[in-house]
Amino acid sequence: MGHVALGTGSLEAFKLDALIVVPSGNHPFKGATPVTARQRYEMAQLAFADNVQVLVSDMEVREDGVSYSIDTLHRLSLLHPNDSLVFIQGADIPNELHKWHRAEELHKYCSFAIAARRGYPTAQLEDRIARLTETLHLDMEYADMDLPEVSSTDIRRRLACGESCQGLVPEAVLQYIRERGLYR
């Protein structure tokens, strides 16, 4: 529900016309995961099925090798040449951006919208954004969002232990997880 709230809330908070959700393929920092990229894509489709402003793309899922954001953004810019792309991230991501593959080129393809949970240390975030704007030439804005306190790690733990995830995961996604015995 946190990802859904982030996505749908971003449409309004950042005044976006549409949202493209791109589940990661082979993530460069995470390595192998117990759930396939295709399954993550299918769960994202289920999670956003009711929102006509959201398109879930399998562009990274179809790729072989490691998926880098810079390559995905380049492909998206070619697919949407007349649109301004905005990369939506959580407030923790600005601390990691300098580690990204070809981070110094990101500004060529998009601006960044940072979704901060209410209560997140704003001064710290503003400082980090100012440094990234200067060093990586990124156009960044942020908005405080009323996001649910949901942790993917906690949800995976709950699923592994057979605990309830009602209200934490969209019902269609929860059914998909149960039917396939994921995260057990």
N, C-alpha and C. Protein backbone atom coordinates (compact mmCIF):
# COMPACT_ATOMS: atom_id res chain seq x y z
N MET A 1 0.82 -1.19 0.00
CA MET A 1 0.00 0.00 0.00
C MET A 1 0.86 1.25 0.00
N GLY A 2 2.08 1.14 0.52
CA GLY A 2 2.98 2.28 0.52
C GLY A 2 3.36 2.69 -0.89
N HIS A 3 3.65 1.72 -1.75
CA HIS A 3 4.00 2.03 -3.14
C HIS A 3 2.80 2.63 -3.87
N VAL A 4 1.62 2.11 -3.62
CA VAL A 4 0.42 2.63 -4.26
C VAL A 4 0.17 4.06 -3.78
N ALA A 5 0.29 4.30 -2.49
CA ALA A 5 0.09 5.66 -1.95
C ALA A 5 1.13 6.62 -2.50
N LEU A 6 2.37 6.17 -2.61
CA LEU A 6 3.43 7.01 -3.19
C LEU A 6 3.10 7.36 -4.64
N GLY A 7 2.73 6.38 -5.42
CA GLY A 7 2.43 6.61 -6.83
C GLY A 7 1.24 7.51 -7.03
N THR A 8 0.12 7.17 -6.43
CA THR A 8 -1.09 7.96 -6.63
C THR A 8 -0.97 9.34 -5.96
N GLY A 9 -0.31 9.40 -4.82
CA GLY A 9 -0.11 10.69 -4.16
C GLY A 9 0.81 11.60 -4.95
N SER A 10 1.77 11.02 -5.66
CA SER A 10 2.70 11.81 -6.47
C SER A 10 2.01 12.47 -7.65
N LEU A 11 1.00 11.80 -8.20
CA LEU A 11 0.26 12.40 -9.31
C LEU A 11 -0.26 13.77 -8.91
N GLU A 12 -0.81 13.86 -7.72
CA GLU A 12 -1.35 15.14 -7.24
C GLU A 12 -0.27 16.06 -6.70
N ALA A 13 0.60 15.54 -5.86
CA ALA A 13 1.61 16.38 -5.19
C ALA A 13 2.54 17.07 -6.18
N PHE A 14 2.90 16.37 -7.26
CA PHE A 14 3.84 16.92 -8.23
C PHE A 14 3.16 17.34 -9.54
N LYS A 15 1.82 17.32 -9.53
CA LYS A 15 1.02 17.76 -10.68
C LYS A 15 1.42 17.04 -11.97
N LEU A 16 1.38 15.73 -11.90
CA LEU A 16 1.76 14.89 -13.03
C LEU A 16 0.53 14.50 -13.85
N ASP A 17 0.70 14.38 -15.14
CA ASP A 17 -0.40 13.95 -16.01
C ASP A 17 -0.59 12.44 -15.96
N ALA A 18 0.49 11.73 -15.78
CA ALA A 18 0.45 10.27 -15.77
C ALA A 18 1.64 9.74 -14.99
N LEU A 19 1.58 8.48 -14.66
CA LEU A 19 2.65 7.83 -13.91
C LEU A 19 3.01 6.53 -14.62
N ILE A 20 4.29 6.32 -14.85
CA ILE A 20 4.77 5.04 -15.39
C ILE A 20 5.53 4.35 -14.27
N VAL A 21 5.03 3.21 -13.85
CA VAL A 21 5.68 2.41 -12.81
C VAL A 21 6.55 1.39 -13.52
N VAL A 22 7.84 1.38 -13.18
CA VAL A 22 8.79 0.47 -13.83
C VAL A 22 9.42 -0.43 -12.75
N PRO A 23 8.83 -1.60 -12.53
CA PRO A 23 9.46 -2.53 -11.58
C PRO A 23 10.87 -2.88 -12.06
N SER A 24 11.78 -2.94 -11.11
CA SER A 24 13.18 -3.19 -11.48
C SER A 24 13.35 -4.61 -12.02
N GLY A 25 14.26 -4.70 -12.97
CA GLY A 25 14.63 -6.01 -13.50
C GLY A 25 15.69 -6.61 -12.60
N ASN A 26 16.92 -6.60 -13.07
CA ASN A 26 18.05 -7.08 -12.27
C ASN A 26 18.70 -5.87 -11.62
N HIS A 27 18.35 -5.64 -10.38
CA HIS A 27 18.78 -4.46 -9.64
C HIS A 27 20.28 -4.53 -9.33
N PRO A 28 21.03 -3.45 -9.61
CA PRO A 28 22.48 -3.50 -9.41
C PRO A 28 22.92 -3.57 -7.95
N PHE A 29 22.06 -3.14 -7.01
CA PHE A 29 22.45 -3.13 -5.60
C PHE A 29 21.89 -4.30 -4.81
N LYS A 30 20.83 -4.92 -5.29
CA LYS A 30 20.16 -5.95 -4.49
C LYS A 30 20.54 -7.37 -4.84
N GLY A 31 20.98 -7.62 -6.04
CA GLY A 31 21.31 -8.99 -6.42
C GLY A 31 20.07 -9.85 -6.55
N ALA A 32 20.22 -11.15 -6.35
CA ALA A 32 19.11 -12.09 -6.51
C ALA A 32 18.07 -11.89 -5.42
N THR A 33 16.81 -12.03 -5.82
CA THR A 33 15.70 -11.92 -4.87
C THR A 33 14.85 -13.18 -4.98
N PRO A 34 14.07 -13.50 -3.93
CA PRO A 34 13.27 -14.72 -3.97
C PRO A 34 12.07 -14.65 -4.91
N VAL A 35 11.75 -13.43 -5.37
CA VAL A 35 10.63 -13.24 -6.28
C VAL A 35 11.19 -12.71 -7.60
N THR A 36 10.72 -13.24 -8.70
CA THR A 36 11.26 -12.85 -10.00
C THR A 36 10.80 -11.43 -10.38
N ALA A 37 11.53 -10.86 -11.31
CA ALA A 37 11.17 -9.54 -11.84
C ALA A 37 9.78 -9.62 -12.49
N ARG A 38 9.50 -10.69 -13.18
CA ARG A 38 8.18 -10.86 -13.82
C ARG A 38 7.07 -10.88 -12.77
N GLN A 39 7.30 -11.55 -11.64
CA GLN A 39 6.29 -11.58 -10.58
C GLN A 39 6.09 -10.19 -9.97
N ARG A 40 7.18 -9.44 -9.78
CA ARG A 40 7.05 -8.07 -9.26
C ARG A 40 6.25 -7.21 -10.23
N TYR A 41 6.51 -7.38 -11.51
CA TYR A 41 5.76 -6.66 -12.54
C TYR A 41 4.27 -7.00 -12.46
N GLU A 42 3.96 -8.28 -12.37
CA GLU A 42 2.56 -8.71 -12.30
C GLU A 42 1.87 -8.19 -11.04
N MET A 43 2.60 -8.16 -9.93
CA MET A 43 2.01 -7.61 -8.70
C MET A 43 1.79 -6.11 -8.83
N ALA A 44 2.69 -5.41 -9.48
CA ALA A 44 2.52 -3.96 -9.69
C ALA A 44 1.30 -3.71 -10.58
N GLN A 45 1.11 -4.53 -11.60
CA GLN A 45 -0.08 -4.39 -12.45
C GLN A 45 -1.35 -4.53 -11.62
N LEU A 46 -1.38 -5.51 -10.75
CA LEU A 46 -2.55 -5.72 -9.89
C LEU A 46 -2.75 -4.55 -8.94
N ALA A 47 -1.66 -4.06 -8.37
CA ALA A 47 -1.75 -2.97 -7.39
C ALA A 47 -2.30 -1.69 -7.99
N PHE A 48 -1.96 -1.40 -9.24
CA PHE A 48 -2.37 -0.14 -9.88
C PHE A 48 -3.49 -0.32 -10.90
N ALA A 49 -4.11 -1.49 -10.94
CA ALA A 49 -5.11 -1.82 -11.96
C ALA A 49 -6.27 -0.84 -12.01
N ASP A 50 -6.64 -0.26 -10.91
CA ASP A 50 -7.82 0.61 -10.85
C ASP A 50 -7.52 2.07 -11.20
N ASN A 51 -6.27 2.41 -11.48
CA ASN A 51 -5.93 3.80 -11.73
C ASN A 51 -5.56 3.99 -13.21
N VAL A 52 -6.42 4.71 -13.94
CA VAL A 52 -6.21 4.90 -15.37
C VAL A 52 -5.03 5.83 -15.68
N GLN A 53 -4.55 6.57 -14.69
CA GLN A 53 -3.40 7.45 -14.91
C GLN A 53 -2.07 6.72 -14.77
N VAL A 54 -2.13 5.45 -14.40
CA VAL A 54 -0.91 4.68 -14.14
C VAL A 54 -0.73 3.59 -15.18
N LEU A 55 0.46 3.56 -15.76
CA LEU A 55 0.87 2.49 -16.67
C LEU A 55 2.01 1.74 -15.99
N VAL A 56 1.90 0.44 -15.92
CA VAL A 56 2.98 -0.38 -15.38
C VAL A 56 3.74 -0.95 -16.57
N SER A 57 5.03 -0.64 -16.64
CA SER A 57 5.87 -1.05 -17.76
C SER A 57 6.76 -2.23 -17.37
N ASP A 58 6.93 -3.13 -18.32
CA ASP A 58 7.83 -4.27 -18.10
C ASP A 58 9.17 -4.07 -18.80
N MET A 59 9.52 -2.82 -19.12
CA MET A 59 10.73 -2.57 -19.91
C MET A 59 12.00 -3.10 -19.23
N GLU A 60 12.12 -3.00 -17.92
CA GLU A 60 13.31 -3.54 -17.25
C GLU A 60 13.21 -5.05 -17.09
N VAL A 61 12.01 -5.54 -16.88
CA VAL A 61 11.80 -6.97 -16.69
C VAL A 61 12.23 -7.75 -17.93
N ARG A 62 12.01 -7.18 -19.11
CA ARG A 62 12.35 -7.83 -20.38
C ARG A 62 13.84 -7.81 -20.68
N GLU A 63 14.60 -6.98 -19.99
CA GLU A 63 16.02 -6.82 -20.28
C GLU A 63 16.86 -7.92 -19.63
N ASP A 64 17.90 -8.32 -20.33
CA ASP A 64 18.90 -9.22 -19.75
C ASP A 64 19.95 -8.36 -19.08
N GLY A 65 20.62 -8.88 -18.12
CA GLY A 65 21.68 -8.13 -17.46
C GLY A 65 21.13 -7.17 -16.41
N VAL A 66 22.03 -6.39 -15.85
CA VAL A 66 21.68 -5.46 -14.78
C VAL A 66 20.89 -4.29 -15.36
N SER A 67 19.87 -3.86 -14.62
CA SER A 67 19.05 -2.72 -15.03
C SER A 67 19.56 -1.47 -14.34
N TYR A 68 19.99 -0.51 -15.15
CA TYR A 68 20.44 0.77 -14.61
C TYR A 68 19.41 1.84 -14.92
N SER A 69 19.14 2.69 -13.97
CA SER A 69 18.14 3.75 -14.14
C SER A 69 18.47 4.64 -15.33
N ILE A 70 19.74 4.94 -15.53
CA ILE A 70 20.13 5.81 -16.63
C ILE A 70 19.68 5.23 -17.97
N ASP A 71 19.79 3.92 -18.14
CA ASP A 71 19.38 3.28 -19.39
C ASP A 71 17.86 3.29 -19.54
N THR A 72 17.16 3.05 -18.45
CA THR A 72 15.70 3.09 -18.47
C THR A 72 15.21 4.49 -18.80
N LEU A 73 15.82 5.50 -18.18
CA LEU A 73 15.43 6.88 -18.46
C LEU A 73 15.71 7.25 -19.91
N HIS A 74 16.82 6.80 -20.44
CA HIS A 74 17.12 7.06 -21.85
C HIS A 74 16.03 6.46 -22.75
N ARG A 75 15.67 5.20 -22.50
CA ARG A 75 14.62 4.55 -23.29
C ARG A 75 13.29 5.28 -23.15
N LEU A 76 12.95 5.68 -21.92
CA LEU A 76 11.69 6.41 -21.71
C LEU A 76 11.69 7.75 -22.44
N SER A 77 12.84 8.42 -22.46
CA SER A 77 12.91 9.70 -23.16
C SER A 77 12.71 9.51 -24.67
N LEU A 78 13.15 8.39 -25.20
CA LEU A 78 12.93 8.10 -26.63
C LEU A 78 11.47 7.74 -26.90
N LEU A 79 10.84 7.05 -25.96
CA LEU A 79 9.43 6.68 -26.11
C LEU A 79 8.49 7.87 -25.91
N HIS A 80 8.93 8.85 -25.13
CA HIS A 80 8.09 10.01 -24.79
C HIS A 80 8.87 11.30 -25.04
N PRO A 81 9.23 11.56 -26.30
CA PRO A 81 10.12 12.69 -26.60
C PRO A 81 9.52 14.07 -26.30
N ASN A 82 8.21 14.18 -26.23
CA ASN A 82 7.58 15.48 -25.99
C ASN A 82 7.15 15.67 -24.54
N ASP A 83 7.53 14.74 -23.68
CA ASP A 83 7.13 14.81 -22.28
C ASP A 83 8.33 15.12 -21.38
N SER A 84 8.05 15.78 -20.27
CA SER A 84 9.07 16.02 -19.24
C SER A 84 8.98 14.87 -18.26
N LEU A 85 10.04 14.12 -18.14
CA LEU A 85 10.05 12.98 -17.24
C LEU A 85 10.44 13.42 -15.84
N VAL A 86 9.74 12.87 -14.87
CA VAL A 86 10.00 13.14 -13.46
C VAL A 86 10.21 11.80 -12.78
N PHE A 87 11.36 11.62 -12.16
CA PHE A 87 11.71 10.37 -11.48
C PHE A 87 11.30 10.52 -10.02
N ILE A 88 10.35 9.73 -9.58
CA ILE A 88 9.83 9.83 -8.21
C ILE A 88 10.60 8.88 -7.31
N GLN A 89 11.05 9.40 -6.19
CA GLN A 89 11.83 8.62 -5.23
C GLN A 89 11.38 8.92 -3.82
N GLY A 90 11.70 8.01 -2.92
CA GLY A 90 11.49 8.26 -1.51
C GLY A 90 12.61 9.14 -0.97
N ALA A 91 12.42 9.68 0.22
CA ALA A 91 13.36 10.64 0.80
C ALA A 91 14.72 10.04 1.13
N ASP A 92 14.82 8.71 1.15
CA ASP A 92 16.11 8.09 1.45
C ASP A 92 17.02 8.04 0.22
N ILE A 93 16.46 8.14 -0.97
CA ILE A 93 17.23 7.98 -2.20
C ILE A 93 18.27 9.08 -2.43
N PRO A 94 18.00 10.34 -2.11
CA PRO A 94 19.05 11.35 -2.33
C PRO A 94 20.38 11.01 -1.66
N ASN A 95 20.34 10.22 -0.62
CA ASN A 95 21.58 9.82 0.04
C ASN A 95 22.36 8.78 -0.77
N GLU A 96 21.70 8.15 -1.75
CA GLU A 96 22.31 7.08 -2.54
C GLU A 96 22.62 7.48 -3.98
N LEU A 97 22.05 8.57 -4.46
CA LEU A 97 22.16 8.91 -5.88
C LEU A 97 23.59 9.00 -6.39
N HIS A 98 24.50 9.48 -5.60
CA HIS A 98 25.88 9.61 -6.07
C HIS A 98 26.51 8.25 -6.40
N LYS A 99 25.93 7.16 -5.91
CA LYS A 99 26.45 5.81 -6.17
C LYS A 99 25.89 5.21 -7.46
N TRP A 100 24.88 5.84 -8.02
CA TRP A 100 24.22 5.28 -9.19
C TRP A 100 25.14 5.30 -10.41
N HIS A 101 24.95 4.31 -11.26
CA HIS A 101 25.68 4.20 -12.52
C HIS A 101 25.41 5.45 -13.37
N ARG A 102 26.47 6.15 -13.76
CA ARG A 102 26.41 7.34 -14.59
C ARG A 102 25.48 8.42 -14.01
N ALA A 103 25.55 8.59 -12.70
CA ALA A 103 24.69 9.55 -12.00
C ALA A 103 24.83 10.96 -12.56
N GLU A 104 26.02 11.30 -13.04
CA GLU A 104 26.26 12.64 -13.57
C GLU A 104 25.48 12.92 -14.85
N GLU A 105 24.86 11.89 -15.45
CA GLU A 105 24.09 12.06 -16.68
C GLU A 105 22.58 12.09 -16.46
N LEU A 106 22.13 11.80 -15.25
CA LEU A 106 20.69 11.71 -14.98
C LEU A 106 19.94 12.97 -15.38
N HIS A 107 20.56 14.13 -15.17
CA HIS A 107 19.88 15.41 -15.44
C HIS A 107 19.51 15.57 -16.92
N LYS A 108 20.11 14.81 -17.80
CA LYS A 108 19.81 14.89 -19.23
C LYS A 108 18.40 14.37 -19.55
N TYR A 109 17.89 13.50 -18.67
CA TYR A 109 16.66 12.79 -18.99
C TYR A 109 15.46 13.12 -18.11
N CYS A 110 15.72 13.65 -16.91
CA CYS A 110 14.58 13.83 -16.02
C CYS A 110 14.89 14.83 -14.91
N SER A 111 13.84 15.22 -14.24
CA SER A 111 13.98 15.92 -12.97
C SER A 111 13.60 14.89 -11.90
N PHE A 112 13.80 15.23 -10.65
CA PHE A 112 13.49 14.31 -9.56
C PHE A 112 12.43 14.90 -8.64
N ALA A 113 11.51 14.07 -8.23
CA ALA A 113 10.50 14.43 -7.25
C ALA A 113 10.72 13.51 -6.06
N ILE A 114 10.99 14.10 -4.93
CA ILE A 114 11.29 13.33 -3.72
C ILE A 114 10.06 13.38 -2.81
N ALA A 115 9.55 12.22 -2.48
CA ALA A 115 8.39 12.11 -1.61
C ALA A 115 8.87 11.82 -0.20
N ALA A 116 8.72 12.81 0.65
CA ALA A 116 9.15 12.66 2.05
C ALA A 116 7.95 12.33 2.92
N ARG A 117 8.15 11.40 3.81
CA ARG A 117 7.10 11.12 4.79
C ARG A 117 6.99 12.30 5.73
N ARG A 118 5.78 12.55 6.18
CA ARG A 118 5.60 13.62 7.16
C ARG A 118 6.51 13.32 8.36
N GLY A 119 7.17 14.36 8.85
CA GLY A 119 8.05 14.19 9.98
C GLY A 119 9.49 13.89 9.59
N TYR A 120 9.74 13.66 8.29
CA TYR A 120 11.12 13.43 7.85
C TYR A 120 11.91 14.71 8.07
N PRO A 121 13.16 14.63 8.53
CA PRO A 121 13.96 15.84 8.80
C PRO A 121 14.14 16.70 7.55
N THR A 122 13.31 17.72 7.41
CA THR A 122 13.30 18.56 6.22
C THR A 122 14.62 19.26 5.97
N ALA A 123 15.25 19.81 7.00
CA ALA A 123 16.51 20.53 6.83
C ALA A 123 17.58 19.62 6.23
N GLN A 124 17.63 18.39 6.70
CA GLN A 124 18.59 17.40 6.19
C GLN A 124 18.32 17.11 4.70
N LEU A 125 17.05 16.95 4.35
CA LEU A 125 16.68 16.67 2.97
C LEU A 125 17.00 17.87 2.08
N GLU A 126 16.67 19.06 2.53
CA GLU A 126 16.96 20.27 1.74
C GLU A 126 18.46 20.43 1.50
N ASP A 127 19.26 20.13 2.51
CA ASP A 127 20.71 20.21 2.37
C ASP A 127 21.21 19.21 1.33
N ARG A 128 20.71 17.99 1.41
CA ARG A 128 21.14 16.95 0.46
C ARG A 128 20.71 17.32 -0.96
N ILE A 129 19.50 17.83 -1.13
CA ILE A 129 19.02 18.24 -2.44
C ILE A 129 19.88 19.36 -3.00
N ALA A 130 20.25 20.32 -2.16
CA ALA A 130 21.10 21.43 -2.60
C ALA A 130 22.45 20.92 -3.09
N ARG A 131 23.02 19.95 -2.38
CA ARG A 131 24.31 19.39 -2.79
C ARG A 131 24.21 18.62 -4.10
N LEU A 132 23.13 17.86 -4.27
CA LEU A 132 22.95 17.10 -5.51
C LEU A 132 22.67 18.03 -6.69
N THR A 133 21.95 19.10 -6.43
CA THR A 133 21.68 20.09 -7.48
C THR A 133 23.00 20.69 -7.96
N GLU A 134 23.89 20.94 -7.02
CA GLU A 134 25.18 21.53 -7.36
C GLU A 134 26.13 20.52 -8.02
N THR A 135 26.25 19.34 -7.44
CA THR A 135 27.25 18.38 -7.93
C THR A 135 26.80 17.59 -9.15
N LEU A 136 25.52 17.20 -9.19
CA LEU A 136 25.02 16.39 -10.31
C LEU A 136 24.10 17.18 -11.25
N HIS A 137 23.90 18.46 -10.94
CA HIS A 137 23.06 19.34 -11.76
C HIS A 137 21.64 18.83 -11.89
N LEU A 138 21.15 18.21 -10.83
CA LEU A 138 19.80 17.65 -10.86
C LEU A 138 18.77 18.70 -10.47
N ASP A 139 17.66 18.67 -11.18
CA ASP A 139 16.51 19.49 -10.83
C ASP A 139 15.67 18.64 -9.88
N MET A 140 15.56 19.06 -8.62
CA MET A 140 14.86 18.25 -7.63
C MET A 140 13.87 19.09 -6.86
N GLU A 141 12.72 18.49 -6.58
CA GLU A 141 11.75 19.11 -5.69
C GLU A 141 11.28 18.03 -4.73
N TYR A 142 10.70 18.46 -3.64
CA TYR A 142 10.17 17.46 -2.72
C TYR A 142 8.84 17.92 -2.18
N ALA A 143 8.08 16.96 -1.69
CA ALA A 143 6.80 17.24 -1.07
C ALA A 143 6.64 16.32 0.13
N ASP A 144 6.10 16.86 1.20
CA ASP A 144 5.73 16.01 2.33
C ASP A 144 4.46 15.27 1.94
N MET A 145 4.48 13.98 2.11
CA MET A 145 3.32 13.18 1.74
C MET A 145 2.86 12.37 2.94
N ASP A 146 1.57 12.15 2.98
CA ASP A 146 0.98 11.36 4.05
C ASP A 146 1.01 9.89 3.64
N LEU A 147 2.18 9.29 3.75
CA LEU A 147 2.37 7.90 3.33
C LEU A 147 2.19 6.96 4.51
N PRO A 148 1.62 5.80 4.27
CA PRO A 148 1.46 4.84 5.38
C PRO A 148 2.82 4.35 5.86
N GLU A 149 2.90 4.07 7.12
CA GLU A 149 4.13 3.52 7.71
C GLU A 149 4.16 2.02 7.43
N VAL A 150 4.57 1.69 6.23
CA VAL A 150 4.62 0.30 5.77
C VAL A 150 6.03 0.01 5.32
N SER A 151 6.56 -1.09 5.77
CA SER A 151 7.91 -1.49 5.38
C SER A 151 7.84 -2.77 4.57
N SER A 152 8.48 -2.77 3.39
CA SER A 152 8.52 -3.98 2.57
C SER A 152 9.19 -5.13 3.33
N THR A 153 10.22 -4.80 4.08
CA THR A 153 10.92 -5.81 4.87
C THR A 153 9.98 -6.44 5.88
N ASP A 154 9.18 -5.60 6.56
CA ASP A 154 8.23 -6.11 7.55
C ASP A 154 7.15 -6.97 6.88
N ILE A 155 6.69 -6.53 5.72
CA ILE A 155 5.67 -7.31 5.01
C ILE A 155 6.23 -8.67 4.61
N ARG A 156 7.44 -8.71 4.09
CA ARG A 156 8.05 -10.00 3.72
C ARG A 156 8.21 -10.90 4.95
N ARG A 157 8.60 -10.29 6.08
CA ARG A 157 8.73 -11.05 7.32
C ARG A 157 7.38 -11.61 7.74
N ARG A 158 6.35 -10.78 7.70
CA ARG A 158 5.00 -11.22 8.08
C ARG A 158 4.54 -12.38 7.20
N LEU A 159 4.76 -12.24 5.89
CA LEU A 159 4.35 -13.30 4.98
C LEU A 159 5.10 -14.60 5.27
N ALA A 160 6.39 -14.49 5.54
CA ALA A 160 7.20 -15.68 5.84
C ALA A 160 6.72 -16.38 7.11
N CYS A 161 6.22 -15.59 8.06
CA CYS A 161 5.75 -16.14 9.34
C CYS A 161 4.27 -16.50 9.33
N GLY A 162 3.60 -16.24 8.20
CA GLY A 162 2.17 -16.54 8.12
C GLY A 162 1.30 -15.52 8.84
N GLU A 163 1.84 -14.35 9.14
CA GLU A 163 1.06 -13.30 9.80
C GLU A 163 0.22 -12.54 8.79
N SER A 164 -0.80 -11.86 9.28
CA SER A 164 -1.70 -11.10 8.42
C SER A 164 -1.02 -9.87 7.82
N CYS A 165 -1.37 -9.60 6.58
CA CYS A 165 -0.92 -8.39 5.90
C CYS A 165 -2.12 -7.59 5.39
N GLN A 166 -3.29 -7.87 5.96
CA GLN A 166 -4.50 -7.14 5.57
C GLN A 166 -4.27 -5.65 5.80
N GLY A 167 -4.63 -4.86 4.80
CA GLY A 167 -4.49 -3.42 4.89
C GLY A 167 -3.09 -2.92 4.58
N LEU A 168 -2.12 -3.82 4.49
CA LEU A 168 -0.74 -3.44 4.19
C LEU A 168 -0.39 -3.68 2.72
N VAL A 169 -1.13 -4.60 2.09
CA VAL A 169 -0.89 -5.00 0.71
C VAL A 169 -2.25 -5.00 0.01
N PRO A 170 -2.34 -4.47 -1.23
CA PRO A 170 -3.62 -4.53 -1.94
C PRO A 170 -4.14 -5.97 -1.99
N GLU A 171 -5.43 -6.13 -1.85
CA GLU A 171 -6.03 -7.46 -1.76
C GLU A 171 -5.69 -8.34 -2.96
N ALA A 172 -5.73 -7.78 -4.17
CA ALA A 172 -5.41 -8.57 -5.36
C ALA A 172 -3.97 -9.06 -5.34
N VAL A 173 -3.07 -8.24 -4.81
CA VAL A 173 -1.66 -8.62 -4.71
C VAL A 173 -1.49 -9.70 -3.64
N LEU A 174 -2.18 -9.54 -2.54
CA LEU A 174 -2.12 -10.54 -1.47
C LEU A 174 -2.61 -11.89 -1.97
N GLN A 175 -3.67 -11.89 -2.75
CA GLN A 175 -4.19 -13.13 -3.33
C GLN A 175 -3.16 -13.75 -4.28
N TYR A 176 -2.52 -12.94 -5.09
CA TYR A 176 -1.47 -13.40 -6.01
C TYR A 176 -0.34 -14.06 -5.22
N ILE A 177 0.09 -13.42 -4.14
CA ILE A 177 1.17 -13.94 -3.29
C ILE A 177 0.78 -15.29 -2.69
N ARG A 178 -0.45 -15.36 -2.18
CA ARG A 178 -0.92 -16.61 -1.55
C ARG A 178 -1.00 -17.75 -2.57
N GLU A 179 -1.57 -17.46 -3.73
CA GLU A 179 -1.75 -18.49 -4.76
C GLU A 179 -0.42 -19.08 -5.23
N ARG A 180 0.63 -18.28 -5.19
CA ARG A 180 1.94 -18.73 -5.67
C ARG A 180 2.90 -19.11 -4.56
N GLY A 181 2.44 -18.95 -3.32
CA GLY A 181 3.30 -19.31 -2.18
C GLY A 181 4.56 -18.47 -2.08
N LEU A 182 4.46 -17.19 -2.47
CA LEU A 182 5.64 -16.32 -2.46
C LEU A 182 6.00 -15.88 -1.04
N TYR A 183 7.25 -15.57 -0.85
CA TYR A 183 7.81 -15.04 0.41
C TYR A 183 7.70 -16.02 1.57
N ARG A 184 7.57 -17.30 1.30
CA ARG A 184 7.49 -18.30 2.38
C ARG A 184 8.84 -18.90 2.65
